[in-house]
């Protein structure tokens, strides 16, 4: 663009200005890569975990706090692929389940995960997150967590995969050990000994015990 004879910049048309602005925005904004999106999601997930409110020892939570936690739990649900987590834990044994049994299993197992994991996930820890191996439709993000009071350090790997048009957690590994694989191993032993009815009974019993033990900690 050059000066005109009067020494002024020539006037731009409104449409040309809009086009230039769009091009500038495109040049400044870098699209998220396969690794970036899960990393950002993991950081948001960890911050959401931190927003779960806890009762002080010897105290119970108010109704307002309980309601706030129910809202936080709904936000946490949006980060996880419930179908993948529950299905993969019994993948080799799926044929043993009748439809009503499968529905009951998914309900119990998922509610147990929420009851135990949501309030306790790296509670009181400081953490950093970094991108791990990634492919087009799946990626790992490694969270290094430290609890100073307990002198405890651990690496938690969130395995994300594309599902339903978004990145969702499909497995969690603690120092390399897969949570889904661990549950699959446990469930396989129970199914071999007690069948589907026995597994559902044990899940119900564990859920009831945890809810009773946690009392006000249950949302």
C-alpha atoms as a PDB file:
ATOM      1  CA  UNK A   1       0.000   0.000   0.000  1.00  0.00           C
ATOM      2  CA  UNK A   2       1.408   3.449  -0.955  1.00  0.00           C
ATOM      3  CA  UNK A   3       0.701   7.064  -0.094  1.00  0.00           C
ATOM      4  CA  UNK A   4      -1.569   8.987  -2.474  1.00  0.00           C
ATOM      5  CA  UNK A   5      -0.492  12.312  -3.898  1.00  0.00           C
ATOM      6  CA  UNK A   6      -1.920  14.189  -0.947  1.00  0.00           C
ATOM      7  CA  UNK A   7       0.404  12.352   1.394  1.00  0.00           C
ATOM      8  CA  UNK A   8      -2.370  10.331   3.066  1.00  0.00           C
ATOM      9  CA  UNK A   9      -3.050   6.601   3.224  1.00  0.00           C
ATOM     10  CA  UNK A  10      -5.844   5.662   0.840  1.00  0.00           C
ATOM     11  CA  UNK A  11      -9.144   4.852   2.484  1.00  0.00           C
ATOM     12  CA  UNK A  12      -9.966   1.125   2.857  1.00  0.00           C
ATOM     13  CA  UNK A  13     -13.433  -0.177   2.057  1.00  0.00           C
ATOM     14  CA  UNK A  14     -15.345  -1.678   5.023  1.00  0.00           C
ATOM     15  CA  UNK A  15     -15.284  -5.126   3.381  1.00  0.00           C
ATOM     16  CA  UNK A  16     -11.516  -4.987   2.830  1.00  0.00           C
ATOM     17  CA  UNK A  17     -10.994  -4.015   6.470  1.00  0.00           C
ATOM     18  CA  UNK A  18     -13.111  -6.962   7.612  1.00  0.00           C
ATOM     19  CA  UNK A  19     -11.085  -9.353   5.456  1.00  0.00           C
ATOM     20  CA  UNK A  20      -7.791  -7.983   6.780  1.00  0.00           C
ATOM     21  CA  UNK A  21      -9.040  -8.329  10.368  1.00  0.00           C
ATOM     22  CA  UNK A  22     -10.087 -11.948   9.804  1.00  0.00           C
ATOM     23  CA  UNK A  23      -6.719 -12.788   8.250  1.00  0.00           C
ATOM     24  CA  UNK A  24      -4.929 -11.191  11.183  1.00  0.00           C
ATOM     25  CA  UNK A  25      -6.969 -13.217  13.675  1.00  0.00           C
ATOM     26  CA  UNK A  26      -6.264 -16.431  11.787  1.00  0.00           C
ATOM     27  CA  UNK A  27      -2.537 -15.714  11.806  1.00  0.00           C
ATOM     28  CA  UNK A  28      -2.497 -15.045  15.550  1.00  0.00           C
ATOM     29  CA  UNK A  29      -4.597 -18.005  16.717  1.00  0.00           C
ATOM     30  CA  UNK A  30      -2.879 -21.393  16.587  1.00  0.00           C
ATOM     31  CA  UNK A  31      -5.296 -24.333  16.288  1.00  0.00           C
ATOM     32  CA  UNK A  32      -5.122 -26.911  19.067  1.00  0.00           C
ATOM     33  CA  UNK A  33      -3.159 -29.994  18.106  1.00  0.00           C
ATOM     34  CA  UNK A  34      -4.051 -33.554  19.099  1.00  0.00           C
ATOM     35  CA  UNK A  35      -1.813 -33.141  22.143  1.00  0.00           C
ATOM     36  CA  UNK A  36      -2.858 -29.598  23.101  1.00  0.00           C
ATOM     37  CA  UNK A  37      -6.579 -30.263  23.495  1.00  0.00           C
ATOM     38  CA  UNK A  38      -6.182 -33.151  26.001  1.00  0.00           C
ATOM     39  CA  UNK A  39      -3.593 -31.138  27.942  1.00  0.00           C
ATOM     40  CA  UNK A  40      -5.956 -28.193  28.250  1.00  0.00           C
ATOM     41  CA  UNK A  41      -8.780 -30.561  29.177  1.00  0.00           C
ATOM     42  CA  UNK A  42      -6.620 -32.220  31.832  1.00  0.00           C
ATOM     43  CA  UNK A  43      -5.752 -28.882  33.409  1.00  0.00           C
ATOM     44  CA  UNK A  44      -9.446 -27.998  33.486  1.00  0.00           C
ATOM     45  CA  UNK A  45     -10.260 -31.427  34.951  1.00  0.00           C
ATOM     46  CA  UNK A  46      -7.728 -30.981  37.753  1.00  0.00           C
ATOM     47  CA  UNK A  47      -9.079 -27.537  38.598  1.00  0.00           C
ATOM     48  CA  UNK A  48     -12.588 -28.987  38.734  1.00  0.00           C
ATOM     49  CA  UNK A  49     -11.420 -31.723  41.117  1.00  0.00           C
ATOM     50  CA  UNK A  50     -10.018 -28.965  43.323  1.00  0.00           C
ATOM     51  CA  UNK A  51     -13.420 -27.262  43.481  1.00  0.00           C
ATOM     52  CA  UNK A  52     -15.030 -30.212  45.312  1.00  0.00           C
ATOM     53  CA  UNK A  53     -15.815 -28.981  48.815  1.00  0.00           C
ATOM     54  CA  UNK A  54     -14.998 -31.087  51.886  1.00  0.00           C
ATOM     55  CA  UNK A  55     -16.318 -31.053  55.416  1.00  0.00           C
ATOM     56  CA  UNK A  56     -13.940 -30.273  58.249  1.00  0.00           C
ATOM     57  CA  UNK A  57     -13.216 -33.180  60.614  1.00  0.00           C
ATOM     58  CA  UNK A  58     -16.158 -33.700  62.942  1.00  0.00           C
ATOM     59  CA  UNK A  59     -18.419 -31.455  60.892  1.00  0.00           C
ATOM     60  CA  UNK A  60     -21.093 -32.060  58.283  1.00  0.00           C
ATOM     61  CA  UNK A  61     -21.636 -30.119  55.105  1.00  0.00           C
ATOM     62  CA  UNK A  62     -24.473 -27.677  54.685  1.00  0.00           C
ATOM     63  CA  UNK A  63     -27.216 -28.229  52.130  1.00  0.00           C
ATOM     64  CA  UNK A  64     -25.712 -25.406  50.067  1.00  0.00           C
ATOM     65  CA  UNK A  65     -22.342 -27.169  49.955  1.00  0.00           C
ATOM     66  CA  UNK A  66     -23.993 -30.468  49.050  1.00  0.00           C
ATOM     67  CA  UNK A  67     -25.785 -28.779  46.178  1.00  0.00           C
ATOM     68  CA  UNK A  68     -22.571 -27.110  45.042  1.00  0.00           C
ATOM     69  CA  UNK A  69     -20.808 -30.485  44.984  1.00  0.00           C
ATOM     70  CA  UNK A  70     -23.613 -32.056  42.990  1.00  0.00           C
ATOM     71  CA  UNK A  71     -23.068 -29.344  40.396  1.00  0.00           C
ATOM     72  CA  UNK A  72     -19.293 -29.981  40.436  1.00  0.00           C
ATOM     73  CA  UNK A  73     -19.877 -33.730  39.994  1.00  0.00           C
ATOM     74  CA  UNK A  74     -21.944 -33.017  36.904  1.00  0.00           C
ATOM     75  CA  UNK A  75     -19.063 -30.943  35.549  1.00  0.00           C
ATOM     76  CA  UNK A  76     -16.633 -33.782  36.269  1.00  0.00           C
ATOM     77  CA  UNK A  77     -18.903 -36.269  34.494  1.00  0.00           C
ATOM     78  CA  UNK A  78     -18.407 -34.287  31.290  1.00  0.00           C
ATOM     79  CA  UNK A  79     -14.682 -35.152  31.244  1.00  0.00           C
ATOM     80  CA  UNK A  80     -15.095 -38.938  31.343  1.00  0.00           C
ATOM     81  CA  UNK A  81     -16.211 -41.517  28.800  1.00  0.00           C
ATOM     82  CA  UNK A  82     -18.518 -43.467  31.087  1.00  0.00           C
ATOM     83  CA  UNK A  83     -19.410 -45.985  28.382  1.00  0.00           C
ATOM     84  CA  UNK A  84     -15.769 -46.779  27.622  1.00  0.00           C
ATOM     85  CA  UNK A  85     -14.680 -46.992  31.256  1.00  0.00           C
ATOM     86  CA  UNK A  86     -17.460 -49.315  32.298  1.00  0.00           C
ATOM     87  CA  UNK A  87     -17.470 -51.425  29.124  1.00  0.00           C
ATOM     88  CA  UNK A  88     -13.713 -52.020  28.944  1.00  0.00           C
ATOM     89  CA  UNK A  89     -13.625 -53.244  32.544  1.00  0.00           C
ATOM     90  CA  UNK A  90     -15.783 -56.244  31.582  1.00  0.00           C
ATOM     91  CA  UNK A  91     -15.029 -56.465  27.839  1.00  0.00           C
ATOM     92  CA  UNK A  92     -13.966 -60.178  27.854  1.00  0.00           C
ATOM     93  CA  UNK A  93     -17.055 -61.150  29.864  1.00  0.00           C
ATOM     94  CA  UNK A  94     -19.747 -59.040  28.216  1.00  0.00           C
ATOM     95  CA  UNK A  95     -21.622 -62.075  26.834  1.00  0.00           C
ATOM     96  CA  UNK A  96     -22.317 -63.286  30.360  1.00  0.00           C
ATOM     97  CA  UNK A  97     -24.533 -60.278  31.129  1.00  0.00           C
ATOM     98  CA  UNK A  98     -28.233 -60.095  30.379  1.00  0.00           C
ATOM     99  CA  UNK A  99     -29.448 -56.631  29.412  1.00  0.00           C
ATOM    100  CA  UNK A 100     -30.910 -55.779  32.858  1.00  0.00           C
ATOM    101  CA  UNK A 101     -27.731 -57.007  34.524  1.00  0.00           C
ATOM    102  CA  UNK A 102     -25.599 -54.862  32.234  1.00  0.00           C
ATOM    103  CA  UNK A 103     -27.665 -51.783  33.031  1.00  0.00           C
ATOM    104  CA  UNK A 104     -27.346 -52.463  36.753  1.00  0.00           C
ATOM    105  CA  UNK A 105     -23.604 -53.049  36.475  1.00  0.00           C
ATOM    106  CA  UNK A 106     -23.017 -49.772  34.603  1.00  0.00           C
ATOM    107  CA  UNK A 107     -25.083 -47.852  37.146  1.00  0.00           C
ATOM    108  CA  UNK A 108     -23.369 -49.368  40.196  1.00  0.00           C
ATOM    109  CA  UNK A 109     -19.827 -49.236  38.870  1.00  0.00           C
ATOM    110  CA  UNK A 110     -20.095 -45.674  37.645  1.00  0.00           C
ATOM    111  CA  UNK A 111     -21.671 -44.426  40.869  1.00  0.00           C
ATOM    112  CA  UNK A 112     -18.932 -46.177  42.842  1.00  0.00           C
ATOM    113  CA  UNK A 113     -16.262 -44.465  40.746  1.00  0.00           C
ATOM    114  CA  UNK A 114     -17.893 -41.086  41.320  1.00  0.00           C
ATOM    115  CA  UNK A 115     -18.302 -41.714  45.043  1.00  0.00           C
ATOM    116  CA  UNK A 116     -14.687 -42.714  45.618  1.00  0.00           C
ATOM    117  CA  UNK A 117     -12.695 -40.880  42.959  1.00  0.00           C
ATOM    118  CA  UNK A 118     -14.325 -37.473  42.690  1.00  0.00           C
ATOM    119  CA  UNK A 119     -13.802 -36.268  46.277  1.00  0.00           C
ATOM    120  CA  UNK A 120     -10.432 -37.986  46.744  1.00  0.00           C
ATOM    121  CA  UNK A 121      -8.648 -37.410  43.429  1.00  0.00           C
ATOM    122  CA  UNK A 122      -5.210 -36.012  44.354  1.00  0.00           C
ATOM    123  CA  UNK A 123      -6.808 -34.126  47.218  1.00  0.00           C
ATOM    124  CA  UNK A 124      -4.434 -31.617  48.750  1.00  0.00           C
ATOM    125  CA  UNK A 125      -1.729 -32.268  46.151  1.00  0.00           C
ATOM    126  CA  UNK A 126       0.245 -29.820  44.075  1.00  0.00           C
ATOM    127  CA  UNK A 127       0.502 -30.881  40.463  1.00  0.00           C
ATOM    128  CA  UNK A 128       1.887 -30.196  37.034  1.00  0.00           C
ATOM    129  CA  UNK A 129       0.625 -31.583  33.737  1.00  0.00           C
ATOM    130  CA  UNK A 130       2.483 -32.315  30.514  1.00  0.00           C
ATOM    131  CA  UNK A 131       1.487 -33.838  27.199  1.00  0.00           C
ATOM    132  CA  UNK A 132       2.484 -37.450  26.576  1.00  0.00           C
ATOM    133  CA  UNK A 133       2.275 -39.678  23.475  1.00  0.00           C
ATOM    134  CA  UNK A 134      -0.512 -38.675  21.115  1.00  0.00           C
ATOM    135  CA  UNK A 135      -2.193 -39.900  17.949  1.00  0.00           C
ATOM    136  CA  UNK A 136      -4.994 -38.492  15.865  1.00  0.00           C
ATOM    137  CA  UNK A 137      -7.793 -39.819  18.072  1.00  0.00           C
ATOM    138  CA  UNK A 138      -6.110 -40.538  21.407  1.00  0.00           C
ATOM    139  CA  UNK A 139      -3.551 -38.932  23.669  1.00  0.00           C
ATOM    140  CA  UNK A 140      -1.974 -39.270  27.101  1.00  0.00           C
ATOM    141  CA  UNK A 141      -1.458 -36.459  29.579  1.00  0.00           C
ATOM    142  CA  UNK A 142       0.801 -37.079  32.559  1.00  0.00           C
ATOM    143  CA  UNK A 143       0.049 -35.352  35.852  1.00  0.00           C
ATOM    144  CA  UNK A 144       2.866 -35.341  38.379  1.00  0.00           C
ATOM    145  CA  UNK A 145       1.363 -34.863  41.836  1.00  0.00           C
ATOM    146  CA  UNK A 146       2.995 -34.315  45.196  1.00  0.00           C
ATOM    147  CA  UNK A 147       1.538 -34.252  48.683  1.00  0.00           C
ATOM    148  CA  UNK A 148       4.034 -32.471  50.881  1.00  0.00           C
ATOM    149  CA  UNK A 149       2.349 -33.454  54.157  1.00  0.00           C
ATOM    150  CA  UNK A 150       2.612 -37.159  53.292  1.00  0.00           C
ATOM    151  CA  UNK A 151       5.914 -36.911  51.402  1.00  0.00           C
ATOM    152  CA  UNK A 152       4.152 -38.677  48.536  1.00  0.00           C
ATOM    153  CA  UNK A 153       4.764 -38.307  44.804  1.00  0.00           C
ATOM    154  CA  UNK A 154       2.968 -40.074  41.986  1.00  0.00           C
ATOM    155  CA  UNK A 155       2.423 -39.878  38.241  1.00  0.00           C
ATOM    156  CA  UNK A 156      -1.150 -40.138  37.024  1.00  0.00           C
ATOM    157  CA  UNK A 157      -1.681 -40.587  33.286  1.00  0.00           C
ATOM    158  CA  UNK A 158      -5.038 -39.615  31.853  1.00  0.00           C
ATOM    159  CA  UNK A 159      -5.703 -41.483  28.612  1.00  0.00           C
ATOM    160  CA  UNK A 160      -7.947 -39.367  26.409  1.00  0.00           C
ATOM    161  CA  UNK A 161      -9.742 -40.474  23.277  1.00  0.00           C
ATOM    162  CA  UNK A 162     -12.037 -38.847  20.776  1.00  0.00           C
ATOM    163  CA  UNK A 163     -15.608 -39.867  21.582  1.00  0.00           C
ATOM    164  CA  UNK A 164     -18.903 -38.240  20.757  1.00  0.00           C
ATOM    165  CA  UNK A 165     -17.105 -35.362  19.087  1.00  0.00           C
ATOM    166  CA  UNK A 166     -14.910 -34.441  22.042  1.00  0.00           C
ATOM    167  CA  UNK A 167     -11.915 -35.550  24.093  1.00  0.00           C
ATOM    168  CA  UNK A 168     -12.922 -37.805  27.007  1.00  0.00           C
ATOM    169  CA  UNK A 169     -10.950 -39.800  29.564  1.00  0.00           C
ATOM    170  CA  UNK A 170     -11.145 -43.527  28.750  1.00  0.00           C
ATOM    171  CA  UNK A 171      -8.596 -44.821  31.279  1.00  0.00           C
ATOM    172  CA  UNK A 172      -6.394 -43.619  34.123  1.00  0.00           C
ATOM    173  CA  UNK A 173      -2.977 -45.074  34.966  1.00  0.00           C
ATOM    174  CA  UNK A 174      -1.291 -44.678  38.334  1.00  0.00           C
ATOM    175  CA  UNK A 175       2.491 -44.979  38.021  1.00  0.00           C
ATOM    176  CA  UNK A 176       1.883 -46.979  34.837  1.00  0.00           C
ATOM    177  CA  UNK A 177      -0.824 -49.305  36.176  1.00  0.00           C
ATOM    178  CA  UNK A 178      -4.107 -49.112  34.267  1.00  0.00           C
ATOM    179  CA  UNK A 179      -7.218 -48.604  36.379  1.00  0.00           C
ATOM    180  CA  UNK A 180      -9.394 -50.292  33.751  1.00  0.00           C
ATOM    181  CA  UNK A 181      -7.057 -53.297  33.497  1.00  0.00           C
ATOM    182  CA  UNK A 182      -6.985 -53.625  37.280  1.00  0.00           C
ATOM    183  CA  UNK A 183     -10.777 -53.654  37.503  1.00  0.00           C
ATOM    184  CA  UNK A 184     -10.958 -56.104  34.576  1.00  0.00           C
ATOM    185  CA  UNK A 185      -8.688 -58.475  36.466  1.00  0.00           C
ATOM    186  CA  UNK A 186     -10.720 -58.160  39.674  1.00  0.00           C
ATOM    187  CA  UNK A 187     -14.052 -58.547  37.919  1.00  0.00           C
ATOM    188  CA  UNK A 188     -12.819 -61.562  35.963  1.00  0.00           C
ATOM    189  CA  UNK A 189     -11.947 -63.399  39.179  1.00  0.00           C
ATOM    190  CA  UNK A 190     -15.317 -62.585  40.750  1.00  0.00           C
ATOM    191  CA  UNK A 191     -17.241 -63.593  37.621  1.00  0.00           C
ATOM    192  CA  UNK A 192     -15.357 -66.886  37.402  1.00  0.00           C
ATOM    193  CA  UNK A 193     -16.245 -67.716  40.990  1.00  0.00           C
ATOM    194  CA  UNK A 194     -19.643 -66.112  41.611  1.00  0.00           C
ATOM    195  CA  UNK A 195     -21.042 -65.173  38.201  1.00  0.00           C
ATOM    196  CA  UNK A 196     -22.725 -61.917  37.240  1.00  0.00           C
ATOM    197  CA  UNK A 197     -25.086 -62.002  40.220  1.00  0.00           C
ATOM    198  CA  UNK A 198     -22.092 -62.276  42.540  1.00  0.00           C
ATOM    199  CA  UNK A 199     -20.352 -59.332  40.898  1.00  0.00           C
ATOM    200  CA  UNK A 200     -23.440 -57.147  41.173  1.00  0.00           C
ATOM    201  CA  UNK A 201     -23.839 -58.128  44.812  1.00  0.00           C
ATOM    202  CA  UNK A 202     -20.235 -57.206  45.593  1.00  0.00           C
ATOM    203  CA  UNK A 203     -20.523 -53.872  43.755  1.00  0.00           C
ATOM    204  CA  UNK A 204     -23.712 -53.037  45.655  1.00  0.00           C
ATOM    205  CA  UNK A 205     -22.104 -54.001  48.963  1.00  0.00           C
ATOM    206  CA  UNK A 206     -19.001 -51.910  48.234  1.00  0.00           C
ATOM    207  CA  UNK A 207     -21.127 -48.955  47.205  1.00  0.00           C
ATOM    208  CA  UNK A 208     -23.242 -49.174  50.376  1.00  0.00           C
ATOM    209  CA  UNK A 209     -20.136 -49.504  52.566  1.00  0.00           C
ATOM    210  CA  UNK A 210     -18.441 -46.497  50.950  1.00  0.00           C
ATOM    211  CA  UNK A 211     -21.537 -44.364  51.228  1.00  0.00           C
ATOM    212  CA  UNK A 212     -21.960 -45.287  54.883  1.00  0.00           C
ATOM    213  CA  UNK A 213     -18.276 -44.735  55.640  1.00  0.00           C
ATOM    214  CA  UNK A 214     -18.198 -41.379  53.913  1.00  0.00           C
ATOM    215  CA  UNK A 215     -21.544 -40.222  55.228  1.00  0.00           C
ATOM    216  CA  UNK A 216     -21.696 -36.543  54.425  1.00  0.00           C
ATOM    217  CA  UNK A 217     -18.942 -37.030  51.837  1.00  0.00           C
ATOM    218  CA  UNK A 218     -21.481 -38.640  49.514  1.00  0.00           C
ATOM    219  CA  UNK A 219     -23.140 -36.066  47.248  1.00  0.00           C
END
